[in-house]
Amino acid sequence: MFTGIIEELGRLQAIRWHGNGAQFHIQASIVLEDIKVGDSLSLNGCCLTVISKQRDLWSCDVVEETIQRTTLKELKVGDRVNLERAVRYQDRLGGHLVQGHIDEIGRIVKKRSLSDGSWWLDITASSEILRYVVYKGPIAVDGISLTITHVEETFFSFAVIPHTAQTTTLGFKQEGDYVNVEVDLMAKYIDRLNQKKIYASS
């Protein structure tokens, strides 16, 4: 489980493809301070397991399912990536509960700068995802906890403050780029409970 508060921008040092899966090697420093082999790290919102660790490098295996359902297949050597360690029970929950299980790949259809130095982004999403999206509700985009500011039939919007733009991949993502989207976990549970009530009453 994660909070969506990105700790570091890492850099993809190497990709080793094997069949339909891959092994990623990522340069980092902050997130490796207390990480052990077997621990979880979020990479662009995807929960991955550390299989080896050096002083400033860690590695993970990415299975075919993750490759096919996320933007990790688009990554190239040299790309910067959002990194976050799994939350500890004694930590402050600065963002919202993020599983690291991507629901859908979205696309940036609009990115415009605002007068206060922040950015406004529109992200496309399917109706299946947008059913869980509400005004002022939380959402994770590339692992970043964000607050929704606008919802339409085919997209949702949010603002990115200057700090977030400087410390995450959203600062240099462009219109047309793809992003990993994870909706609020609690919204999915509530929806499921409501479905059970409907089935029980029918």
N, C-alpha and C. Protein backbone atom coordinates (compact mmCIF):
# COMPACT_ATOMS: atom_id res chain seq x y z
N MET A 1 0.84 -1.19 0.00
CA MET A 1 0.00 0.00 0.00
C MET A 1 0.88 1.25 0.00
N PHE A 2 0.44 2.28 -0.72
CA PHE A 2 1.21 3.51 -0.86
C PHE A 2 0.32 4.72 -0.58
N THR A 3 0.91 5.90 -0.56
CA THR A 3 0.15 7.11 -0.28
C THR A 3 -0.01 8.01 -1.49
N GLY A 4 0.78 7.77 -2.54
CA GLY A 4 0.73 8.64 -3.71
C GLY A 4 1.57 9.88 -3.56
N ILE A 5 2.38 9.95 -2.50
CA ILE A 5 3.32 11.06 -2.32
C ILE A 5 4.68 10.59 -2.82
N ILE A 6 5.07 11.06 -4.00
CA ILE A 6 6.30 10.59 -4.63
C ILE A 6 7.52 11.04 -3.83
N GLU A 7 8.44 10.11 -3.57
CA GLU A 7 9.62 10.41 -2.77
C GLU A 7 10.82 10.80 -3.62
N GLU A 8 10.84 10.30 -4.86
CA GLU A 8 12.04 10.51 -5.66
C GLU A 8 11.77 10.25 -7.13
N LEU A 9 12.46 10.99 -7.98
CA LEU A 9 12.49 10.68 -9.41
C LEU A 9 13.72 9.82 -9.66
N GLY A 10 13.48 8.56 -10.00
CA GLY A 10 14.58 7.67 -10.34
C GLY A 10 14.83 7.71 -11.84
N ARG A 11 15.80 6.93 -12.28
CA ARG A 11 16.10 6.87 -13.71
C ARG A 11 16.29 5.41 -14.12
N LEU A 12 15.64 5.03 -15.22
CA LEU A 12 15.75 3.67 -15.72
C LEU A 12 17.11 3.47 -16.37
N GLN A 13 17.92 2.61 -15.79
CA GLN A 13 19.29 2.39 -16.26
C GLN A 13 19.39 1.29 -17.30
N ALA A 14 18.55 0.26 -17.18
CA ALA A 14 18.63 -0.85 -18.13
C ALA A 14 17.31 -1.62 -18.13
N ILE A 15 17.00 -2.21 -19.28
CA ILE A 15 15.84 -3.10 -19.42
C ILE A 15 16.34 -4.39 -20.06
N ARG A 16 16.03 -5.50 -19.43
CA ARG A 16 16.39 -6.80 -19.98
C ARG A 16 15.11 -7.58 -20.27
N TRP A 17 14.77 -7.68 -21.55
CA TRP A 17 13.55 -8.37 -21.94
C TRP A 17 13.78 -9.87 -21.97
N HIS A 18 12.78 -10.62 -21.48
CA HIS A 18 12.82 -12.08 -21.56
C HIS A 18 11.41 -12.58 -21.82
N GLY A 19 11.21 -13.08 -23.04
CA GLY A 19 9.86 -13.46 -23.46
C GLY A 19 8.98 -12.23 -23.49
N ASN A 20 7.81 -12.31 -22.82
CA ASN A 20 6.89 -11.18 -22.76
C ASN A 20 7.03 -10.37 -21.48
N GLY A 21 8.02 -10.70 -20.68
CA GLY A 21 8.28 -9.96 -19.45
C GLY A 21 9.60 -9.22 -19.54
N ALA A 22 9.99 -8.60 -18.45
CA ALA A 22 11.22 -7.82 -18.45
C ALA A 22 11.77 -7.69 -17.05
N GLN A 23 13.03 -7.31 -16.98
CA GLN A 23 13.66 -6.95 -15.72
C GLN A 23 14.16 -5.52 -15.85
N PHE A 24 13.74 -4.67 -14.91
CA PHE A 24 14.13 -3.27 -14.91
C PHE A 24 15.22 -3.03 -13.87
N HIS A 25 16.17 -2.16 -14.23
CA HIS A 25 17.20 -1.73 -13.30
C HIS A 25 17.10 -0.22 -13.18
N ILE A 26 16.85 0.27 -11.95
CA ILE A 26 16.52 1.68 -11.74
C ILE A 26 17.50 2.33 -10.79
N GLN A 27 18.03 3.47 -11.21
CA GLN A 27 18.92 4.25 -10.36
C GLN A 27 18.08 5.07 -9.38
N ALA A 28 18.48 5.06 -8.11
CA ALA A 28 17.76 5.80 -7.08
C ALA A 28 18.68 5.99 -5.88
N SER A 29 18.22 6.76 -4.91
CA SER A 29 19.01 6.93 -3.68
C SER A 29 18.10 6.98 -2.46
N ILE A 30 17.16 7.93 -2.42
CA ILE A 30 16.31 8.12 -1.23
C ILE A 30 15.53 6.86 -0.89
N VAL A 31 14.87 6.26 -1.89
CA VAL A 31 14.01 5.10 -1.60
C VAL A 31 14.80 3.86 -1.23
N LEU A 32 16.10 3.88 -1.44
CA LEU A 32 16.92 2.71 -1.13
C LEU A 32 17.52 2.76 0.27
N GLU A 33 17.26 3.83 1.01
CA GLU A 33 17.90 4.00 2.32
C GLU A 33 17.58 2.86 3.28
N ASP A 34 16.35 2.36 3.27
CA ASP A 34 16.00 1.28 4.20
C ASP A 34 15.26 0.14 3.51
N ILE A 35 15.47 0.01 2.22
CA ILE A 35 14.79 -1.03 1.44
C ILE A 35 15.59 -2.33 1.49
N LYS A 36 14.86 -3.45 1.55
CA LYS A 36 15.47 -4.77 1.52
C LYS A 36 14.92 -5.55 0.32
N VAL A 37 15.66 -6.56 -0.10
CA VAL A 37 15.16 -7.46 -1.14
C VAL A 37 13.86 -8.09 -0.65
N GLY A 38 12.85 -8.06 -1.50
CA GLY A 38 11.53 -8.57 -1.15
C GLY A 38 10.53 -7.49 -0.80
N ASP A 39 11.03 -6.26 -0.55
CA ASP A 39 10.14 -5.14 -0.25
C ASP A 39 9.46 -4.65 -1.53
N SER A 40 8.39 -3.87 -1.34
CA SER A 40 7.65 -3.30 -2.47
C SER A 40 8.04 -1.85 -2.71
N LEU A 41 8.14 -1.49 -3.97
CA LEU A 41 8.33 -0.10 -4.39
C LEU A 41 7.31 0.21 -5.48
N SER A 42 6.82 1.43 -5.46
CA SER A 42 5.92 1.88 -6.52
C SER A 42 6.74 2.60 -7.59
N LEU A 43 6.60 2.13 -8.83
CA LEU A 43 7.27 2.74 -9.98
C LEU A 43 6.20 3.22 -10.94
N ASN A 44 6.05 4.53 -11.06
CA ASN A 44 4.98 5.12 -11.87
C ASN A 44 3.61 4.55 -11.50
N GLY A 45 3.44 4.29 -10.20
CA GLY A 45 2.16 3.81 -9.72
C GLY A 45 1.99 2.31 -9.71
N CYS A 46 2.97 1.56 -10.21
CA CYS A 46 2.88 0.10 -10.25
C CYS A 46 3.66 -0.50 -9.08
N CYS A 47 3.01 -1.34 -8.31
CA CYS A 47 3.65 -2.00 -7.18
C CYS A 47 4.56 -3.12 -7.70
N LEU A 48 5.86 -2.99 -7.42
CA LEU A 48 6.84 -3.97 -7.88
C LEU A 48 7.70 -4.44 -6.71
N THR A 49 8.28 -5.62 -6.84
CA THR A 49 9.08 -6.21 -5.77
C THR A 49 10.56 -6.06 -6.06
N VAL A 50 11.30 -5.59 -5.06
CA VAL A 50 12.75 -5.45 -5.18
C VAL A 50 13.39 -6.83 -5.16
N ILE A 51 14.09 -7.19 -6.25
CA ILE A 51 14.74 -8.50 -6.31
C ILE A 51 16.25 -8.41 -6.08
N SER A 52 16.82 -7.22 -6.23
CA SER A 52 18.23 -7.00 -5.90
C SER A 52 18.43 -5.52 -5.64
N LYS A 53 19.45 -5.21 -4.86
CA LYS A 53 19.69 -3.83 -4.46
C LYS A 53 21.19 -3.60 -4.31
N GLN A 54 21.66 -2.49 -4.87
CA GLN A 54 23.01 -2.03 -4.64
C GLN A 54 22.93 -0.64 -4.02
N ARG A 55 24.03 0.04 -3.90
CA ARG A 55 24.04 1.33 -3.21
C ARG A 55 23.11 2.34 -3.87
N ASP A 56 23.11 2.40 -5.20
CA ASP A 56 22.27 3.38 -5.90
C ASP A 56 21.52 2.75 -7.06
N LEU A 57 21.22 1.46 -6.96
CA LEU A 57 20.53 0.75 -8.04
C LEU A 57 19.68 -0.36 -7.46
N TRP A 58 18.48 -0.50 -7.99
CA TRP A 58 17.65 -1.63 -7.59
C TRP A 58 17.01 -2.25 -8.83
N SER A 59 16.60 -3.49 -8.70
CA SER A 59 16.05 -4.23 -9.84
C SER A 59 14.72 -4.86 -9.47
N CYS A 60 13.89 -5.07 -10.50
CA CYS A 60 12.59 -5.71 -10.30
C CYS A 60 12.22 -6.47 -11.57
N ASP A 61 11.45 -7.52 -11.39
CA ASP A 61 10.88 -8.24 -12.53
C ASP A 61 9.50 -7.67 -12.83
N VAL A 62 9.19 -7.53 -14.11
CA VAL A 62 7.88 -7.03 -14.54
C VAL A 62 7.25 -8.11 -15.41
N VAL A 63 6.16 -8.69 -14.92
CA VAL A 63 5.54 -9.80 -15.63
C VAL A 63 4.70 -9.30 -16.81
N GLU A 64 4.32 -10.24 -17.67
CA GLU A 64 3.57 -9.89 -18.89
C GLU A 64 2.28 -9.13 -18.58
N GLU A 65 1.55 -9.56 -17.54
CA GLU A 65 0.30 -8.89 -17.18
C GLU A 65 0.52 -7.40 -16.91
N THR A 66 1.57 -7.08 -16.16
CA THR A 66 1.87 -5.69 -15.84
C THR A 66 2.32 -4.93 -17.09
N ILE A 67 3.13 -5.58 -17.90
CA ILE A 67 3.59 -4.94 -19.15
C ILE A 67 2.40 -4.56 -20.03
N GLN A 68 1.44 -5.46 -20.15
CA GLN A 68 0.32 -5.23 -21.05
C GLN A 68 -0.68 -4.20 -20.53
N ARG A 69 -0.83 -4.09 -19.22
CA ARG A 69 -1.89 -3.27 -18.64
C ARG A 69 -1.43 -1.91 -18.13
N THR A 70 -0.14 -1.60 -18.29
CA THR A 70 0.38 -0.33 -17.79
C THR A 70 1.26 0.34 -18.84
N THR A 71 1.71 1.54 -18.52
CA THR A 71 2.60 2.27 -19.43
C THR A 71 4.05 1.84 -19.29
N LEU A 72 4.33 0.85 -18.46
CA LEU A 72 5.73 0.42 -18.30
C LEU A 72 6.30 -0.09 -19.62
N LYS A 73 5.45 -0.58 -20.50
CA LYS A 73 5.93 -1.05 -21.80
C LYS A 73 6.46 0.08 -22.67
N GLU A 74 6.09 1.33 -22.34
CA GLU A 74 6.54 2.48 -23.12
C GLU A 74 7.89 3.03 -22.64
N LEU A 75 8.35 2.58 -21.49
CA LEU A 75 9.57 3.15 -20.91
C LEU A 75 10.81 2.79 -21.73
N LYS A 76 11.76 3.72 -21.73
CA LYS A 76 13.04 3.53 -22.43
C LYS A 76 14.16 3.81 -21.45
N VAL A 77 15.32 3.25 -21.74
CA VAL A 77 16.49 3.50 -20.91
C VAL A 77 16.76 5.01 -20.87
N GLY A 78 16.97 5.52 -19.67
CA GLY A 78 17.20 6.95 -19.48
C GLY A 78 15.97 7.70 -19.00
N ASP A 79 14.78 7.09 -19.12
CA ASP A 79 13.56 7.75 -18.67
C ASP A 79 13.56 7.91 -17.15
N ARG A 80 13.00 9.03 -16.69
CA ARG A 80 12.80 9.25 -15.27
C ARG A 80 11.46 8.66 -14.85
N VAL A 81 11.41 8.16 -13.62
CA VAL A 81 10.22 7.47 -13.13
C VAL A 81 9.92 7.90 -11.69
N ASN A 82 8.63 7.89 -11.35
CA ASN A 82 8.19 8.21 -9.99
C ASN A 82 8.41 7.01 -9.08
N LEU A 83 9.00 7.25 -7.90
CA LEU A 83 9.27 6.18 -6.95
C LEU A 83 8.70 6.51 -5.58
N GLU A 84 8.13 5.49 -4.94
CA GLU A 84 7.64 5.64 -3.57
C GLU A 84 7.76 4.31 -2.84
N ARG A 85 8.25 4.36 -1.61
CA ARG A 85 8.27 3.17 -0.76
C ARG A 85 6.87 2.88 -0.21
N ALA A 86 6.62 1.63 0.14
CA ALA A 86 5.34 1.26 0.73
C ALA A 86 5.16 1.99 2.06
N VAL A 87 3.92 2.33 2.37
CA VAL A 87 3.62 3.07 3.59
C VAL A 87 3.80 2.17 4.81
N ARG A 88 4.27 2.75 5.91
CA ARG A 88 4.35 2.05 7.18
C ARG A 88 3.17 2.49 8.04
N TYR A 89 2.73 1.63 8.96
CA TYR A 89 1.55 1.94 9.75
C TYR A 89 1.72 3.20 10.60
N GLN A 90 2.96 3.53 10.96
CA GLN A 90 3.17 4.71 11.80
C GLN A 90 3.34 5.98 10.97
N ASP A 91 3.34 5.88 9.63
CA ASP A 91 3.53 7.06 8.78
C ASP A 91 2.26 7.90 8.71
N ARG A 92 2.46 9.20 8.43
CA ARG A 92 1.33 10.07 8.12
C ARG A 92 0.81 9.73 6.72
N LEU A 93 -0.49 9.72 6.56
CA LEU A 93 -1.09 9.44 5.25
C LEU A 93 -1.30 10.77 4.54
N GLY A 94 -0.25 11.24 3.88
CA GLY A 94 -0.29 12.56 3.26
C GLY A 94 -1.13 12.62 2.00
N GLY A 95 -1.30 11.50 1.30
CA GLY A 95 -2.09 11.49 0.08
C GLY A 95 -3.40 10.73 0.31
N HIS A 96 -3.54 9.57 -0.33
CA HIS A 96 -4.67 8.69 -0.06
C HIS A 96 -4.18 7.26 -0.25
N LEU A 97 -5.00 6.28 0.09
CA LEU A 97 -4.58 4.88 -0.01
C LEU A 97 -4.48 4.47 -1.47
N VAL A 98 -3.28 4.09 -1.88
CA VAL A 98 -3.00 3.69 -3.26
C VAL A 98 -2.44 2.27 -3.24
N GLN A 99 -3.04 1.36 -3.98
CA GLN A 99 -2.61 -0.03 -3.98
C GLN A 99 -1.39 -0.28 -4.85
N GLY A 100 -1.25 0.49 -5.91
CA GLY A 100 -0.21 0.17 -6.88
C GLY A 100 -0.69 -0.84 -7.91
N HIS A 101 -2.01 -0.99 -8.01
CA HIS A 101 -2.63 -1.89 -8.99
C HIS A 101 -3.35 -1.01 -10.01
N ILE A 102 -2.80 -0.89 -11.19
CA ILE A 102 -3.31 0.05 -12.19
C ILE A 102 -4.65 -0.42 -12.75
N ASP A 103 -5.60 0.52 -12.81
CA ASP A 103 -6.92 0.20 -13.34
C ASP A 103 -7.01 0.41 -14.84
N GLU A 104 -6.27 1.39 -15.35
CA GLU A 104 -6.40 1.73 -16.76
C GLU A 104 -5.26 2.65 -17.19
N ILE A 105 -4.97 2.65 -18.47
CA ILE A 105 -4.04 3.63 -19.04
C ILE A 105 -4.85 4.81 -19.56
N GLY A 106 -4.52 6.00 -19.08
CA GLY A 106 -5.16 7.22 -19.56
C GLY A 106 -4.23 7.97 -20.49
N ARG A 107 -4.74 9.04 -21.10
CA ARG A 107 -3.95 9.84 -22.04
C ARG A 107 -4.14 11.32 -21.73
N ILE A 108 -3.05 12.06 -21.70
CA ILE A 108 -3.12 13.49 -21.46
C ILE A 108 -3.60 14.18 -22.75
N VAL A 109 -4.80 14.75 -22.70
CA VAL A 109 -5.34 15.41 -23.89
C VAL A 109 -5.21 16.94 -23.82
N LYS A 110 -4.96 17.44 -22.60
CA LYS A 110 -4.72 18.89 -22.47
C LYS A 110 -3.81 19.13 -21.28
N LYS A 111 -2.83 20.00 -21.48
CA LYS A 111 -1.95 20.44 -20.40
C LYS A 111 -1.70 21.93 -20.61
N ARG A 112 -2.16 22.72 -19.67
CA ARG A 112 -1.97 24.17 -19.82
C ARG A 112 -1.48 24.78 -18.51
N SER A 113 -0.63 25.77 -18.63
CA SER A 113 -0.09 26.44 -17.46
C SER A 113 -1.08 27.48 -16.95
N LEU A 114 -1.11 27.68 -15.64
CA LEU A 114 -1.97 28.65 -15.00
C LEU A 114 -1.13 29.82 -14.49
N SER A 115 -1.80 30.92 -14.18
CA SER A 115 -1.08 32.14 -13.82
C SER A 115 -0.29 32.02 -12.52
N ASP A 116 -0.66 31.07 -11.67
CA ASP A 116 0.04 30.92 -10.39
C ASP A 116 1.22 29.96 -10.47
N GLY A 117 1.57 29.51 -11.68
CA GLY A 117 2.69 28.61 -11.86
C GLY A 117 2.33 27.14 -11.82
N SER A 118 1.07 26.84 -11.58
CA SER A 118 0.61 25.45 -11.58
C SER A 118 0.18 25.05 -12.98
N TRP A 119 -0.23 23.77 -13.11
CA TRP A 119 -0.67 23.25 -14.40
C TRP A 119 -2.06 22.65 -14.26
N TRP A 120 -2.80 22.66 -15.36
CA TRP A 120 -4.11 22.02 -15.43
C TRP A 120 -4.02 20.91 -16.48
N LEU A 121 -4.41 19.68 -16.09
CA LEU A 121 -4.34 18.55 -17.00
C LEU A 121 -5.69 17.89 -17.16
N ASP A 122 -6.03 17.50 -18.39
CA ASP A 122 -7.20 16.68 -18.70
C ASP A 122 -6.70 15.31 -19.11
N ILE A 123 -7.27 14.25 -18.50
CA ILE A 123 -6.87 12.87 -18.79
C ILE A 123 -8.08 12.08 -19.26
N THR A 124 -7.96 11.43 -20.41
CA THR A 124 -9.06 10.59 -20.89
C THR A 124 -9.19 9.34 -20.03
N ALA A 125 -10.41 8.84 -19.93
CA ALA A 125 -10.67 7.61 -19.19
C ALA A 125 -11.97 7.00 -19.70
N SER A 126 -12.12 5.71 -19.49
CA SER A 126 -13.33 5.02 -19.93
C SER A 126 -14.46 5.26 -18.93
N SER A 127 -15.67 4.94 -19.35
CA SER A 127 -16.83 5.08 -18.46
C SER A 127 -16.70 4.16 -17.26
N GLU A 128 -16.04 3.03 -17.43
CA GLU A 128 -15.84 2.09 -16.33
C GLU A 128 -15.01 2.72 -15.21
N ILE A 129 -14.03 3.52 -15.58
CA ILE A 129 -13.19 4.20 -14.60
C ILE A 129 -13.90 5.45 -14.06
N LEU A 130 -14.53 6.20 -14.94
CA LEU A 130 -15.14 7.47 -14.54
C LEU A 130 -16.31 7.28 -13.58
N ARG A 131 -16.87 6.10 -13.49
CA ARG A 131 -17.95 5.86 -12.53
C ARG A 131 -17.45 6.02 -11.09
N TYR A 132 -16.12 5.88 -10.89
CA TYR A 132 -15.54 6.01 -9.56
C TYR A 132 -14.93 7.39 -9.32
N VAL A 133 -15.02 8.26 -10.30
CA VAL A 133 -14.37 9.57 -10.21
C VAL A 133 -15.38 10.63 -9.82
N VAL A 134 -15.08 11.38 -8.75
CA VAL A 134 -15.99 12.41 -8.28
C VAL A 134 -15.22 13.71 -8.06
N TYR A 135 -15.92 14.81 -8.17
CA TYR A 135 -15.34 16.13 -7.93
C TYR A 135 -14.79 16.21 -6.52
N LYS A 136 -13.55 16.65 -6.40
CA LYS A 136 -12.81 16.77 -5.14
C LYS A 136 -12.38 15.43 -4.56
N GLY A 137 -12.62 14.36 -5.31
CA GLY A 137 -12.19 13.04 -4.85
C GLY A 137 -10.74 12.77 -5.23
N PRO A 138 -10.14 11.71 -4.67
CA PRO A 138 -8.74 11.38 -4.96
C PRO A 138 -8.59 10.47 -6.17
N ILE A 139 -7.44 10.56 -6.81
CA ILE A 139 -7.09 9.63 -7.89
C ILE A 139 -5.57 9.58 -7.96
N ALA A 140 -5.04 8.46 -8.41
CA ALA A 140 -3.59 8.32 -8.58
C ALA A 140 -3.26 8.27 -10.06
N VAL A 141 -2.39 9.17 -10.51
CA VAL A 141 -1.93 9.21 -11.90
C VAL A 141 -0.42 9.03 -11.90
N ASP A 142 0.05 7.95 -12.52
CA ASP A 142 1.46 7.57 -12.45
C ASP A 142 1.95 7.49 -11.01
N GLY A 143 1.04 7.05 -10.12
CA GLY A 143 1.40 6.88 -8.72
C GLY A 143 1.31 8.13 -7.88
N ILE A 144 0.88 9.24 -8.46
CA ILE A 144 0.82 10.51 -7.75
C ILE A 144 -0.60 10.74 -7.23
N SER A 145 -0.73 11.00 -5.95
CA SER A 145 -2.03 11.29 -5.36
C SER A 145 -2.47 12.70 -5.77
N LEU A 146 -3.64 12.79 -6.41
CA LEU A 146 -4.13 14.06 -6.92
C LEU A 146 -5.60 14.24 -6.57
N THR A 147 -6.05 15.48 -6.56
CA THR A 147 -7.45 15.80 -6.27
C THR A 147 -8.16 16.21 -7.55
N ILE A 148 -9.25 15.55 -7.85
CA ILE A 148 -9.99 15.81 -9.08
C ILE A 148 -10.71 17.16 -8.99
N THR A 149 -10.56 17.95 -10.03
CA THR A 149 -11.17 19.28 -10.04
C THR A 149 -12.31 19.40 -11.06
N HIS A 150 -12.44 18.42 -11.95
CA HIS A 150 -13.49 18.50 -12.97
C HIS A 150 -13.69 17.11 -13.56
N VAL A 151 -14.93 16.77 -13.87
CA VAL A 151 -15.25 15.46 -14.47
C VAL A 151 -16.22 15.66 -15.63
N GLU A 152 -15.89 15.04 -16.76
CA GLU A 152 -16.78 15.02 -17.92
C GLU A 152 -17.05 13.56 -18.31
N GLU A 153 -17.76 13.35 -19.41
CA GLU A 153 -18.13 11.99 -19.80
C GLU A 153 -16.94 11.17 -20.28
N THR A 154 -15.90 11.83 -20.79
CA THR A 154 -14.77 11.09 -21.35
C THR A 154 -13.43 11.43 -20.73
N PHE A 155 -13.42 12.34 -19.77
CA PHE A 155 -12.13 12.70 -19.15
C PHE A 155 -12.35 13.29 -17.77
N PHE A 156 -11.25 13.36 -17.00
CA PHE A 156 -11.26 14.05 -15.72
C PHE A 156 -10.08 15.02 -15.70
N SER A 157 -10.13 15.99 -14.80
CA SER A 157 -9.12 17.04 -14.75
C SER A 157 -8.60 17.22 -13.33
N PHE A 158 -7.40 17.76 -13.24
CA PHE A 158 -6.82 18.09 -11.94
C PHE A 158 -5.75 19.16 -12.13
N ALA A 159 -5.43 19.84 -11.05
CA ALA A 159 -4.37 20.84 -11.06
C ALA A 159 -3.12 20.25 -10.43
N VAL A 160 -1.97 20.66 -10.93
CA VAL A 160 -0.66 20.20 -10.41
C VAL A 160 0.09 21.41 -9.89
N ILE A 161 0.35 21.45 -8.59
CA ILE A 161 1.06 22.58 -8.02
C ILE A 161 2.52 22.56 -8.48
N PRO A 162 3.22 23.70 -8.43
CA PRO A 162 4.62 23.76 -8.90
C PRO A 162 5.52 22.72 -8.26
N HIS A 163 5.36 22.46 -6.95
CA HIS A 163 6.22 21.47 -6.29
C HIS A 163 6.05 20.10 -6.91
N THR A 164 4.80 19.69 -7.15
CA THR A 164 4.54 18.37 -7.75
C THR A 164 5.09 18.31 -9.17
N ALA A 165 4.97 19.40 -9.91
CA ALA A 165 5.51 19.45 -11.27
C ALA A 165 7.03 19.30 -11.27
N GLN A 166 7.68 19.83 -10.25
CA GLN A 166 9.14 19.79 -10.18
C GLN A 166 9.68 18.44 -9.70
N THR A 167 8.87 17.71 -8.94
CA THR A 167 9.38 16.50 -8.29
C THR A 167 8.77 15.20 -8.83
N THR A 168 7.95 15.28 -9.87
CA THR A 168 7.35 14.09 -10.46
C THR A 168 7.40 14.17 -11.99
N THR A 169 7.01 13.09 -12.63
CA THR A 169 7.02 13.03 -14.09
C THR A 169 5.97 13.94 -14.73
N LEU A 170 4.98 14.39 -13.96
CA LEU A 170 3.96 15.27 -14.54
C LEU A 170 4.53 16.61 -14.97
N GLY A 171 5.70 16.97 -14.45
CA GLY A 171 6.32 18.22 -14.85
C GLY A 171 6.77 18.24 -16.29
N PHE A 172 7.16 17.07 -16.82
CA PHE A 172 7.65 17.04 -18.20
C PHE A 172 6.80 16.18 -19.14
N LYS A 173 5.73 15.58 -18.62
CA LYS A 173 4.79 14.88 -19.50
C LYS A 173 4.11 15.89 -20.42
N GLN A 174 3.82 15.45 -21.64
CA GLN A 174 3.23 16.34 -22.65
C GLN A 174 1.87 15.83 -23.10
N GLU A 175 1.13 16.69 -23.79
CA GLU A 175 -0.14 16.25 -24.39
C GLU A 175 0.12 15.09 -25.34
N GLY A 176 -0.70 14.08 -25.23
CA GLY A 176 -0.52 12.87 -26.04
C GLY A 176 0.17 11.75 -25.29
N ASP A 177 0.85 12.07 -24.18
CA ASP A 177 1.52 11.04 -23.40
C ASP A 177 0.51 10.20 -22.63
N TYR A 178 0.89 8.96 -22.36
CA TYR A 178 0.03 8.04 -21.62
C TYR A 178 0.46 7.96 -20.16
N VAL A 179 -0.52 7.71 -19.28
CA VAL A 179 -0.25 7.64 -17.85
C VAL A 179 -1.03 6.48 -17.23
N ASN A 180 -0.51 5.97 -16.11
CA ASN A 180 -1.20 4.94 -15.35
C ASN A 180 -2.23 5.58 -14.43
N VAL A 181 -3.44 5.02 -14.42
CA VAL A 181 -4.52 5.57 -13.59
C VAL A 181 -5.01 4.50 -12.62
N GLU A 182 -5.09 4.89 -11.35
CA GLU A 182 -5.70 4.02 -10.33
C GLU A 182 -6.74 4.83 -9.57
N VAL A 183 -7.97 4.33 -9.58
CA VAL A 183 -9.05 5.04 -8.89
C VAL A 183 -9.03 4.71 -7.40
N ASP A 184 -9.82 5.47 -6.64
CA ASP A 184 -9.85 5.31 -5.20
C ASP A 184 -10.37 3.93 -4.81
N LEU A 185 -9.62 3.26 -3.95
CA LEU A 185 -9.97 1.91 -3.51
C LEU A 185 -11.31 1.89 -2.80
N MET A 186 -11.57 2.87 -1.94
CA MET A 186 -12.82 2.90 -1.19
C MET A 186 -14.03 3.05 -2.11
N ALA A 187 -13.87 3.79 -3.21
CA ALA A 187 -14.98 3.95 -4.16
C ALA A 187 -15.36 2.61 -4.76
N LYS A 188 -14.36 1.78 -5.05
CA LYS A 188 -14.65 0.46 -5.63
C LYS A 188 -15.35 -0.45 -4.63
N TYR A 189 -14.94 -0.38 -3.36
CA TYR A 189 -15.59 -1.19 -2.33
C TYR A 189 -17.05 -0.77 -2.14
N ILE A 190 -17.28 0.53 -2.10
CA ILE A 190 -18.65 1.04 -1.93
C ILE A 190 -19.53 0.62 -3.10
N ASP A 191 -18.98 0.71 -4.31
CA ASP A 191 -19.72 0.30 -5.50
C ASP A 191 -20.07 -1.17 -5.43
N ARG A 192 -19.13 -1.98 -4.99
CA ARG A 192 -19.36 -3.42 -4.89
C ARG A 192 -20.44 -3.73 -3.85
N LEU A 193 -20.40 -3.05 -2.72
CA LEU A 193 -21.41 -3.26 -1.69
C LEU A 193 -22.79 -2.87 -2.19
N ASN A 194 -22.88 -1.78 -2.95
CA ASN A 194 -24.16 -1.35 -3.51
C ASN A 194 -24.69 -2.37 -4.50
N GLN A 195 -23.80 -2.97 -5.29
CA GLN A 195 -24.21 -4.01 -6.23
C GLN A 195 -24.80 -5.20 -5.50
N LYS A 196 -24.18 -5.58 -4.38
CA LYS A 196 -24.67 -6.72 -3.60
C LYS A 196 -26.06 -6.43 -3.03
N LYS A 197 -26.30 -5.18 -2.62
CA LYS A 197 -27.61 -4.79 -2.11
C LYS A 197 -28.67 -4.90 -3.19
N ILE A 198 -28.31 -4.49 -4.43
CA ILE A 198 -29.24 -4.58 -5.54
C ILE A 198 -29.58 -6.03 -5.84
N TYR A 199 -28.53 -6.90 -5.86
CA TYR A 199 -28.76 -8.32 -6.13
C TYR A 199 -29.64 -8.95 -5.04
N ALA A 200 -29.40 -8.55 -3.80
CA ALA A 200 -30.13 -9.14 -2.69
C ALA A 200 -31.60 -8.75 -2.68
N SER A 201 -31.90 -7.54 -3.19
CA SER A 201 -33.28 -7.06 -3.19
C SER A 201 -34.06 -7.46 -4.43
N SER A 202 -33.36 -8.01 -5.43
CA SER A 202 -34.04 -8.37 -6.68
C SER A 202 -34.55 -9.82 -6.63
